[in-house]
């Protein structure tokens, strides 16, 4: 007589590592892992603050917002502020050529 068959145990799938709330780099001082993200759901505000240089950013949030969303909005705003402004005259000249 043979043994009874036993059910195989399912192996746990490893989840990909996700950056935690305090592992973002500061766009001002370039310190690694110094950004603290806080979400105030009652006020519907998300805040990023650097623990080293004290730079902060606040933005309105929705119920689906996560810390990475708030941090990415901050990075986008920094890039937008650092983008050089083109003179208005050069844009008008390009319009005339086409």
PDB file of N, CA and C in Angstrom:
ATOM      1  N   UNK A   1       0.828  -1.168   0.000  1.00  0.00           N
ATOM      2  CA  UNK A   1       0.000   0.000   0.000  1.00  0.00           C
ATOM      3  C   UNK A   1       0.883   1.246   0.000  1.00  0.00           C
ATOM      4  N   UNK A   2       0.355   2.260  -0.663  1.00  0.00           N
ATOM      5  CA  UNK A   2       1.107   3.500  -0.799  1.00  0.00           C
ATOM      6  C   UNK A   2       0.734   4.529   0.254  1.00  0.00           C
ATOM      7  N   UNK A   3       1.547   5.572   0.332  1.00  0.00           N
ATOM      8  CA  UNK A   3       1.271   6.666   1.263  1.00  0.00           C
ATOM      9  C   UNK A   3       0.212   7.574   0.683  1.00  0.00           C
ATOM     10  N   UNK A   4      -0.434   8.305   1.571  1.00  0.00           N
ATOM     11  CA  UNK A   4      -1.392   9.308   1.114  1.00  0.00           C
ATOM     12  C   UNK A   4      -0.645  10.494   0.526  1.00  0.00           C
ATOM     13  N   UNK A   5      -1.233  11.069  -0.490  1.00  0.00           N
ATOM     14  CA  UNK A   5      -0.618  12.237  -1.100  1.00  0.00           C
ATOM     15  C   UNK A   5      -0.928  13.473  -0.255  1.00  0.00           C
ATOM     16  N   UNK A   6       0.087  14.287  -0.039  1.00  0.00           N
ATOM     17  CA  UNK A   6      -0.106  15.513   0.733  1.00  0.00           C
ATOM     18  C   UNK A   6      -0.104  16.709  -0.213  1.00  0.00           C
ATOM     19  N   UNK A   7      -0.811  17.729   0.205  1.00  0.00           N
ATOM     20  CA  UNK A   7      -0.872  18.949  -0.609  1.00  0.00           C
ATOM     21  C   UNK A   7       0.472  19.662  -0.545  1.00  0.00           C
ATOM     22  N   UNK A   8       0.888  20.207  -1.682  1.00  0.00           N
ATOM     23  CA  UNK A   8       2.147  20.936  -1.728  1.00  0.00           C
ATOM     24  C   UNK A   8       1.951  22.330  -1.133  1.00  0.00           C
ATOM     25  N   UNK A   9       2.935  22.782  -0.391  1.00  0.00           N
ATOM     26  CA  UNK A   9       2.881  24.129   0.165  1.00  0.00           C
ATOM     27  C   UNK A   9       3.225  25.129  -0.931  1.00  0.00           C
ATOM     28  N   UNK A  10       2.445  26.203  -0.979  1.00  0.00           N
ATOM     29  CA  UNK A  10       2.716  27.232  -1.960  1.00  0.00           C
ATOM     30  C   UNK A  10       3.854  28.118  -1.470  1.00  0.00           C
ATOM     31  N   UNK A  11       4.770  28.410  -2.366  1.00  0.00           N
ATOM     32  CA  UNK A  11       5.887  29.261  -2.011  1.00  0.00           C
ATOM     33  C   UNK A  11       5.437  30.715  -2.022  1.00  0.00           C
ATOM     34  N   UNK A  12       5.944  31.466  -1.074  1.00  0.00           N
ATOM     35  CA  UNK A  12       5.611  32.877  -1.011  1.00  0.00           C
ATOM     36  C   UNK A  12       6.353  33.617  -2.117  1.00  0.00           C
ATOM     37  N   UNK A  13       5.617  34.477  -2.820  1.00  0.00           N
ATOM     38  CA  UNK A  13       6.234  35.284  -3.858  1.00  0.00           C
ATOM     39  C   UNK A  13       6.837  36.519  -3.212  1.00  0.00           C
ATOM     40  N   UNK A  14       8.044  36.826  -3.616  1.00  0.00           N
ATOM     41  CA  UNK A  14       8.700  38.008  -3.072  1.00  0.00           C
ATOM     42  C   UNK A  14       8.158  39.250  -3.756  1.00  0.00           C
ATOM     43  N   UNK A  15       7.777  40.202  -2.960  1.00  0.00           N
ATOM     44  CA  UNK A  15       7.282  41.461  -3.500  1.00  0.00           C
ATOM     45  C   UNK A  15       8.473  42.338  -3.854  1.00  0.00           C
ATOM     46  N   UNK A  16       8.318  43.136  -4.909  1.00  0.00           N
ATOM     47  CA  UNK A  16       9.414  44.056  -5.231  1.00  0.00           C
ATOM     48  C   UNK A  16       9.566  45.100  -4.130  1.00  0.00           C
ATOM     49  N   UNK A  17      10.786  45.500  -3.884  1.00  0.00           N
ATOM     50  CA  UNK A  17      11.034  46.490  -2.843  1.00  0.00           C
ATOM     51  C   UNK A  17      10.585  47.860  -3.323  1.00  0.00           C
ATOM     52  N   UNK A  18       9.807  48.518  -2.484  1.00  0.00           N
ATOM     53  CA  UNK A  18       9.287  49.842  -2.793  1.00  0.00           C
ATOM     54  C   UNK A  18       9.972  50.835  -1.871  1.00  0.00           C
ATOM     55  N   UNK A  19      10.276  52.020  -2.412  1.00  0.00           N
ATOM     56  CA  UNK A  19      10.905  53.042  -1.584  1.00  0.00           C
ATOM     57  C   UNK A  19       9.971  53.428  -0.443  1.00  0.00           C
ATOM     58  N   UNK A  20      10.488  53.478   0.752  1.00  0.00           N
ATOM     59  CA  UNK A  20       9.687  53.854   1.903  1.00  0.00           C
ATOM     60  C   UNK A  20       9.449  55.352   1.957  1.00  0.00           C
ATOM     61  N   UNK A  21       8.725  55.782   2.957  1.00  0.00           N
ATOM     62  CA  UNK A  21       8.343  57.183   3.073  1.00  0.00           C
ATOM     63  C   UNK A  21       9.547  58.093   3.316  1.00  0.00           C
ATOM     64  N   UNK A  22      10.594  57.586   3.942  1.00  0.00           N
ATOM     65  CA  UNK A  22      11.733  58.430   4.260  1.00  0.00           C
ATOM     66  C   UNK A  22      12.948  58.154   3.412  1.00  0.00           C
ATOM     67  N   UNK A  23      12.784  57.571   2.240  1.00  0.00           N
ATOM     68  CA  UNK A  23      13.938  57.217   1.434  1.00  0.00           C
ATOM     69  C   UNK A  23      14.015  58.018   0.142  1.00  0.00           C
ATOM     70  N   UNK A  24      13.554  59.249   0.168  1.00  0.00           N
ATOM     71  CA  UNK A  24      13.619  60.094  -1.015  1.00  0.00           C
ATOM     72  C   UNK A  24      14.797  61.047  -0.876  1.00  0.00           C
ATOM     73  N   UNK A  25      15.370  61.437  -2.013  1.00  0.00           N
ATOM     74  CA  UNK A  25      16.500  62.360  -2.014  1.00  0.00           C
ATOM     75  C   UNK A  25      15.996  63.793  -2.109  1.00  0.00           C
ATOM     76  N   UNK A  26      16.662  64.687  -1.399  1.00  0.00           N
ATOM     77  CA  UNK A  26      16.264  66.099  -1.396  1.00  0.00           C
ATOM     78  C   UNK A  26      16.724  66.772  -2.689  1.00  0.00           C
ATOM     79  N   UNK A  27      15.828  67.460  -3.393  1.00  0.00           N
ATOM     80  CA  UNK A  27      16.241  68.147  -4.619  1.00  0.00           C
ATOM     81  C   UNK A  27      17.091  69.392  -4.351  1.00  0.00           C
ATOM     82  N   UNK A  28      17.074  69.916  -3.134  1.00  0.00           N
ATOM     83  CA  UNK A  28      17.847  71.115  -2.813  1.00  0.00           C
ATOM     84  C   UNK A  28      19.270  70.791  -2.383  1.00  0.00           C
ATOM     85  N   UNK A  29      19.409  69.899  -1.408  1.00  0.00           N
ATOM     86  CA  UNK A  29      20.738  69.605  -0.865  1.00  0.00           C
ATOM     87  C   UNK A  29      21.301  68.263  -1.344  1.00  0.00           C
ATOM     88  N   UNK A  30      20.532  67.492  -2.110  1.00  0.00           N
ATOM     89  CA  UNK A  30      20.943  66.191  -2.653  1.00  0.00           C
ATOM     90  C   UNK A  30      21.330  65.177  -1.581  1.00  0.00           C
ATOM     91  N   UNK A  31      20.784  65.321  -0.395  1.00  0.00           N
ATOM     92  CA  UNK A  31      21.020  64.359   0.672  1.00  0.00           C
ATOM     93  C   UNK A  31      20.154  63.121   0.418  1.00  0.00           C
ATOM     94  N   UNK A  32      20.720  61.951   0.514  1.00  0.00           N
ATOM     95  CA  UNK A  32      19.982  60.716   0.240  1.00  0.00           C
ATOM     96  C   UNK A  32      19.140  60.314   1.447  1.00  0.00           C
ATOM     97  N   UNK A  33      17.883  60.022   1.216  1.00  0.00           N
ATOM     98  CA  UNK A  33      16.999  59.506   2.261  1.00  0.00           C
ATOM     99  C   UNK A  33      16.616  60.509   3.328  1.00  0.00           C
ATOM    100  N   UNK A  34      16.602  61.789   2.994  1.00  0.00           N
ATOM    101  CA  UNK A  34      16.346  62.796   4.023  1.00  0.00           C
ATOM    102  C   UNK A  34      14.951  63.409   3.954  1.00  0.00           C
ATOM    103  N   UNK A  35      14.118  62.986   3.024  1.00  0.00           N
ATOM    104  CA  UNK A  35      12.793  63.575   2.866  1.00  0.00           C
ATOM    105  C   UNK A  35      11.772  62.820   3.700  1.00  0.00           C
ATOM    106  N   UNK A  36      11.016  63.572   4.490  1.00  0.00           N
ATOM    107  CA  UNK A  36       9.921  63.006   5.273  1.00  0.00           C
ATOM    108  C   UNK A  36       8.619  63.487   4.645  1.00  0.00           C
ATOM    109  N   UNK A  37       7.758  62.544   4.276  1.00  0.00           N
ATOM    110  CA  UNK A  37       6.485  62.879   3.641  1.00  0.00           C
ATOM    111  C   UNK A  37       5.368  62.648   4.644  1.00  0.00           C
ATOM    112  N   UNK A  38       4.544  63.664   4.856  1.00  0.00           N
ATOM    113  CA  UNK A  38       3.394  63.512   5.759  1.00  0.00           C
ATOM    114  C   UNK A  38       2.128  63.835   4.987  1.00  0.00           C
ATOM    115  N   UNK A  39       1.101  63.018   5.214  1.00  0.00           N
ATOM    116  CA  UNK A  39      -0.181  63.193   4.542  1.00  0.00           C
ATOM    117  C   UNK A  39      -1.221  63.542   5.591  1.00  0.00           C
ATOM    118  N   UNK A  40      -1.814  64.715   5.448  1.00  0.00           N
ATOM    119  CA  UNK A  40      -2.870  65.157   6.357  1.00  0.00           C
ATOM    120  C   UNK A  40      -4.197  65.026   5.615  1.00  0.00           C
ATOM    121  N   UNK A  41      -4.869  63.895   5.835  1.00  0.00           N
ATOM    122  CA  UNK A  41      -6.085  63.601   5.077  1.00  0.00           C
ATOM    123  C   UNK A  41      -7.242  64.530   5.435  1.00  0.00           C
ATOM    124  N   UNK A  42      -7.319  64.960   6.700  1.00  0.00           N
ATOM    125  CA  UNK A  42      -8.419  65.839   7.092  1.00  0.00           C
ATOM    126  C   UNK A  42      -8.300  67.195   6.413  1.00  0.00           C
ATOM    127  N   UNK A  43      -7.070  67.721   6.320  1.00  0.00           N
ATOM    128  CA  UNK A  43      -6.856  69.006   5.656  1.00  0.00           C
ATOM    129  C   UNK A  43      -6.665  68.851   4.151  1.00  0.00           C
ATOM    130  N   UNK A  44      -6.544  67.602   3.677  1.00  0.00           N
ATOM    131  CA  UNK A  44      -6.306  67.281   2.266  1.00  0.00           C
ATOM    132  C   UNK A  44      -5.046  67.966   1.756  1.00  0.00           C
ATOM    133  N   UNK A  45      -3.954  67.814   2.536  1.00  0.00           N
ATOM    134  CA  UNK A  45      -2.670  68.411   2.199  1.00  0.00           C
ATOM    135  C   UNK A  45      -1.577  67.363   2.384  1.00  0.00           C
ATOM    136  N   UNK A  46      -0.646  67.327   1.431  1.00  0.00           N
ATOM    137  CA  UNK A  46       0.529  66.483   1.556  1.00  0.00           C
ATOM    138  C   UNK A  46       1.758  67.365   1.675  1.00  0.00           C
ATOM    139  N   UNK A  47       2.659  67.028   2.603  1.00  0.00           N
ATOM    140  CA  UNK A  47       3.840  67.855   2.845  1.00  0.00           C
ATOM    141  C   UNK A  47       5.099  67.005   2.751  1.00  0.00           C
ATOM    142  N   UNK A  48       6.117  67.544   2.073  1.00  0.00           N
ATOM    143  CA  UNK A  48       7.444  66.945   2.027  1.00  0.00           C
ATOM    144  C   UNK A  48       8.391  67.892   2.734  1.00  0.00           C
ATOM    145  N   UNK A  49       9.223  67.369   3.625  1.00  0.00           N
ATOM    146  CA  UNK A  49      10.166  68.191   4.352  1.00  0.00           C
ATOM    147  C   UNK A  49      11.506  67.481   4.410  1.00  0.00           C
ATOM    148  N   UNK A  50      12.579  68.223   4.142  1.00  0.00           N
ATOM    149  CA  UNK A  50      13.929  67.672   4.248  1.00  0.00           C
ATOM    150  C   UNK A  50      14.390  67.798   5.695  1.00  0.00           C
ATOM    151  N   UNK A  51      14.885  66.709   6.264  1.00  0.00           N
ATOM    152  CA  UNK A  51      15.334  66.730   7.654  1.00  0.00           C
ATOM    153  C   UNK A  51      16.706  67.360   7.797  1.00  0.00           C
ATOM    154  N   UNK A  52      17.433  67.569   6.696  1.00  0.00           N
ATOM    155  CA  UNK A  52      18.775  68.132   6.750  1.00  0.00           C
ATOM    156  C   UNK A  52      18.753  69.645   6.536  1.00  0.00           C
ATOM    157  N   UNK A  53      18.192  70.078   5.389  1.00  0.00           N
ATOM    158  CA  UNK A  53      18.234  71.513   5.068  1.00  0.00           C
ATOM    159  C   UNK A  53      16.942  72.249   5.412  1.00  0.00           C
ATOM    160  N   UNK A  54      15.865  71.532   5.698  1.00  0.00           N
ATOM    161  CA  UNK A  54      14.619  72.164   6.113  1.00  0.00           C
ATOM    162  C   UNK A  54      13.724  72.631   4.983  1.00  0.00           C
ATOM    163  N   UNK A  55      14.084  72.358   3.743  1.00  0.00           N
ATOM    164  CA  UNK A  55      13.250  72.738   2.606  1.00  0.00           C
ATOM    165  C   UNK A  55      11.952  71.951   2.662  1.00  0.00           C
ATOM    166  N   UNK A  56      10.832  72.611   2.332  1.00  0.00           N
ATOM    167  CA  UNK A  56       9.556  71.917   2.400  1.00  0.00           C
ATOM    168  C   UNK A  56       8.699  72.244   1.183  1.00  0.00           C
ATOM    169  N   UNK A  57       7.705  71.391   0.948  1.00  0.00           N
ATOM    170  CA  UNK A  57       6.768  71.551  -0.171  1.00  0.00           C
ATOM    171  C   UNK A  57       5.424  71.010   0.287  1.00  0.00           C
ATOM    172  N   UNK A  58       4.353  71.724  -0.025  1.00  0.00           N
ATOM    173  CA  UNK A  58       3.001  71.279   0.317  1.00  0.00           C
ATOM    174  C   UNK A  58       2.139  71.331  -0.934  1.00  0.00           C
ATOM    175  N   UNK A  59       1.237  70.364  -1.061  1.00  0.00           N
ATOM    176  CA  UNK A  59       0.362  70.298  -2.224  1.00  0.00           C
ATOM    177  C   UNK A  59      -0.985  69.709  -1.822  1.00  0.00           C
ATOM    178  N   UNK A  60      -2.053  70.089  -2.508  1.00  0.00           N
ATOM    179  CA  UNK A  60      -3.353  69.461  -2.222  1.00  0.00           C
ATOM    180  C   UNK A  60      -3.352  68.017  -2.701  1.00  0.00           C
ATOM    181  N   UNK A  61      -4.051  67.146  -1.961  1.00  0.00           N
ATOM    182  CA  UNK A  61      -4.074  65.721  -2.294  1.00  0.00           C
ATOM    183  C   UNK A  61      -5.509  65.234  -2.434  1.00  0.00           C
ATOM    184  N   UNK A  62      -5.634  64.020  -2.964  1.00  0.00           N
ATOM    185  CA  UNK A  62      -6.918  63.333  -3.025  1.00  0.00           C
ATOM    186  C   UNK A  62      -6.849  62.128  -2.096  1.00  0.00           C
ATOM    187  N   UNK A  63      -7.911  61.372  -2.038  1.00  0.00           N
ATOM    188  CA  UNK A  63      -7.925  60.200  -1.162  1.00  0.00           C
ATOM    189  C   UNK A  63      -7.010  59.096  -1.683  1.00  0.00           C
ATOM    190  N   UNK A  64      -6.620  59.159  -2.945  1.00  0.00           N
ATOM    191  CA  UNK A  64      -5.769  58.127  -3.534  1.00  0.00           C
ATOM    192  C   UNK A  64      -4.291  58.486  -3.536  1.00  0.00           C
ATOM    193  N   UNK A  65      -3.930  59.672  -3.074  1.00  0.00           N
ATOM    194  CA  UNK A  65      -2.542  60.121  -3.099  1.00  0.00           C
ATOM    195  C   UNK A  65      -1.684  59.311  -2.139  1.00  0.00           C
ATOM    196  N   UNK A  66      -0.453  59.037  -2.588  1.00  0.00           N
ATOM    197  CA  UNK A  66       0.523  58.317  -1.777  1.00  0.00           C
ATOM    198  C   UNK A  66       1.773  59.175  -1.664  1.00  0.00           C
ATOM    199  N   UNK A  67       2.701  58.819  -0.764  1.00  0.00           N
ATOM    200  CA  UNK A  67       3.914  59.632  -0.589  1.00  0.00           C
ATOM    201  C   UNK A  67       4.717  59.821  -1.878  1.00  0.00           C
ATOM    202  N   UNK A  68       4.791  58.810  -2.715  1.00  0.00           N
ATOM    203  CA  UNK A  68       5.549  58.940  -3.958  1.00  0.00           C
ATOM    204  C   UNK A  68       4.905  59.964  -4.881  1.00  0.00           C
ATOM    205  N   UNK A  69       3.577  60.083  -4.856  1.00  0.00           N
ATOM    206  CA  UNK A  69       2.887  61.069  -5.692  1.00  0.00           C
ATOM    207  C   UNK A  69       3.242  62.491  -5.260  1.00  0.00           C
ATOM    208  N   UNK A  70       3.276  62.715  -3.975  1.00  0.00           N
ATOM    209  CA  UNK A  70       3.589  64.046  -3.447  1.00  0.00           C
ATOM    210  C   UNK A  70       5.033  64.410  -3.768  1.00  0.00           C
ATOM    211  N   UNK A  71       5.938  63.454  -3.594  1.00  0.00           N
ATOM    212  CA  UNK A  71       7.352  63.696  -3.891  1.00  0.00           C
ATOM    213  C   UNK A  71       7.561  63.984  -5.382  1.00  0.00           C
ATOM    214  N   UNK A  72       6.887  63.242  -6.243  1.00  0.00           N
ATOM    215  CA  UNK A  72       7.023  63.446  -7.685  1.00  0.00           C
ATOM    216  C   UNK A  72       6.485  64.811  -8.119  1.00  0.00           C
ATOM    217  N   UNK A  73       5.396  65.261  -7.490  1.00  0.00           N
ATOM    218  CA  UNK A  73       4.883  66.597  -7.790  1.00  0.00           C
ATOM    219  C   UNK A  73       5.902  67.662  -7.406  1.00  0.00           C
ATOM    220  N   UNK A  74       6.596  67.447  -6.289  1.00  0.00           N
ATOM    221  CA  UNK A  74       7.621  68.387  -5.850  1.00  0.00           C
ATOM    222  C   UNK A  74       8.766  68.431  -6.861  1.00  0.00           C
ATOM    223  N   UNK A  75       9.200  67.279  -7.330  1.00  0.00           N
ATOM    224  CA  UNK A  75      10.281  67.212  -8.312  1.00  0.00           C
ATOM    225  C   UNK A  75       9.854  67.905  -9.608  1.00  0.00           C
ATOM    226  N   UNK A  76       8.606  67.684 -10.035  1.00  0.00           N
ATOM    227  CA  UNK A  76       8.104  68.331 -11.246  1.00  0.00           C
ATOM    228  C   UNK A  76       8.098  69.850 -11.103  1.00  0.00           C
ATOM    229  N   UNK A  77       7.681  70.345  -9.943  1.00  0.00           N
ATOM    230  CA  UNK A  77       7.676  71.786  -9.700  1.00  0.00           C
ATOM    231  C   UNK A  77       9.097  72.352  -9.698  1.00  0.00           C
ATOM    232  N   UNK A  78      10.051  71.610  -9.149  1.00  0.00           N
ATOM    233  CA  UNK A  78      11.449  72.064  -9.154  1.00  0.00           C
ATOM    234  C   UNK A  78      11.986  72.140 -10.577  1.00  0.00           C
ATOM    235  N   UNK A  79      11.673  71.139 -11.389  1.00  0.00           N
ATOM    236  CA  UNK A  79      12.128  71.146 -12.785  1.00  0.00           C
ATOM    237  C   UNK A  79      11.490  72.295 -13.560  1.00  0.00           C
ATOM    238  N   UNK A  80      10.209  72.553 -13.293  1.00  0.00           N
ATOM    239  CA  UNK A  80       9.509  73.638 -13.972  1.00  0.00           C
ATOM    240  C   UNK A  80      10.114  74.992 -13.579  1.00  0.00           C
ATOM    241  N   UNK A  81      10.491  75.147 -12.324  1.00  0.00           N
ATOM    242  CA  UNK A  81      11.068  76.409 -11.858  1.00  0.00           C
ATOM    243  C   UNK A  81      12.480  76.614 -12.408  1.00  0.00           C
ATOM    244  N   UNK A  82      13.215  75.538 -12.642  1.00  0.00           N
ATOM    245  CA  UNK A  82      14.593  75.644 -13.125  1.00  0.00           C
ATOM    246  C   UNK A  82      14.700  75.686 -14.643  1.00  0.00           C
ATOM    247  N   UNK A  83      13.602  75.485 -15.347  1.00  0.00           N
ATOM    248  CA  UNK A  83      13.610  75.518 -16.804  1.00  0.00           C
ATOM    249  C   UNK A  83      13.816  76.958 -17.276  1.00  0.00           C
ATOM    250  N   UNK A  84      14.721  77.166 -18.243  1.00  0.00           N
ATOM    251  CA  UNK A  84      14.930  78.536 -18.727  1.00  0.00           C
ATOM    252  C   UNK A  84      13.713  79.033 -19.491  1.00  0.00           C
ATOM    253  N   UNK A  85      13.434  80.329 -19.343  1.00  0.00           N
ATOM    254  CA  UNK A  85      12.286  80.941 -20.000  1.00  0.00           C
ATOM    255  C   UNK A  85      12.732  81.452 -21.363  1.00  0.00           C
ATOM    256  N   UNK A  86      11.991  81.093 -22.401  1.00  0.00           N
ATOM    257  CA  UNK A  86      12.324  81.558 -23.745  1.00  0.00           C
ATOM    258  C   UNK A  86      11.739  82.949 -23.955  1.00  0.00           C
ATOM    259  N   UNK A  87      12.464  83.810 -24.661  1.00  0.00           N
ATOM    260  CA  UNK A  87      11.919  85.135 -24.956  1.00  0.00           C
ATOM    261  C   UNK A  87      10.698  85.037 -25.868  1.00  0.00           C
ATOM    262  N   UNK A  88       9.762  85.947 -25.712  1.00  0.00           N
ATOM    263  CA  UNK A  88       8.520  85.938 -26.490  1.00  0.00           C
ATOM    264  C   UNK A  88       8.803  86.240 -27.952  1.00  0.00           C
ATOM    265  N   UNK A  89       9.790  87.081 -28.241  1.00  0.00           N
ATOM    266  CA  UNK A  89      10.093  87.476 -29.603  1.00  0.00           C
ATOM    267  C   UNK A  89      10.528  86.288 -30.456  1.00  0.00           C
ATOM    268  N   UNK A  90      11.314  85.373 -29.916  1.00  0.00           N
ATOM    269  CA  UNK A  90      11.776  84.230 -30.692  1.00  0.00           C
ATOM    270  C   UNK A  90      10.607  83.326 -31.076  1.00  0.00           C
ATOM    271  N   UNK A  91       9.598  83.215 -30.244  1.00  0.00           N
ATOM    272  CA  UNK A  91       8.439  82.399 -30.573  1.00  0.00           C
ATOM    273  C   UNK A  91       7.648  83.037 -31.713  1.00  0.00           C
ATOM    274  N   UNK A  92       7.551  84.360 -31.735  1.00  0.00           N
ATOM    275  CA  UNK A  92       6.815  85.040 -32.798  1.00  0.00           C
ATOM    276  C   UNK A  92       7.541  84.895 -34.131  1.00  0.00           C
ATOM    277  N   UNK A  93       8.852  84.911 -34.113  1.00  0.00           N
ATOM    278  CA  UNK A  93       9.631  84.753 -35.335  1.00  0.00           C
ATOM    279  C   UNK A  93       9.437  83.359 -35.925  1.00  0.00           C
ATOM    280  N   UNK A  94       9.376  82.348 -35.061  1.00  0.00           N
ATOM    281  CA  UNK A  94       9.171  80.986 -35.536  1.00  0.00           C
ATOM    282  C   UNK A  94       7.798  80.832 -36.165  1.00  0.00           C
ATOM    283  N   UNK A  95       6.796  81.514 -35.639  1.00  0.00           N
ATOM    284  CA  UNK A  95       5.452  81.441 -36.183  1.00  0.00           C
ATOM    285  C   UNK A  95       5.395  82.050 -37.575  1.00  0.00           C
ATOM    286  N   UNK A  96       6.140  83.091 -37.811  1.00  0.00           N
ATOM    287  CA  UNK A  96       6.133  83.760 -39.116  1.00  0.00           C
ATOM    288  C   UNK A  96       6.775  82.893 -40.195  1.00  0.00           C
ATOM    289  N   UNK A  97       7.767  82.100 -39.812  1.00  0.00           N
ATOM    290  CA  UNK A  97       8.485  81.264 -40.776  1.00  0.00           C
ATOM    291  C   UNK A  97       7.647  80.111 -41.294  1.00  0.00           C
ATOM    292  N   UNK A  98       6.724  79.639 -40.519  1.00  0.00           N
ATOM    293  CA  UNK A  98       5.935  78.471 -40.929  1.00  0.00           C
ATOM    294  C   UNK A  98       4.711  78.835 -41.705  1.00  0.00           C
TER     295      UNK A  98
END
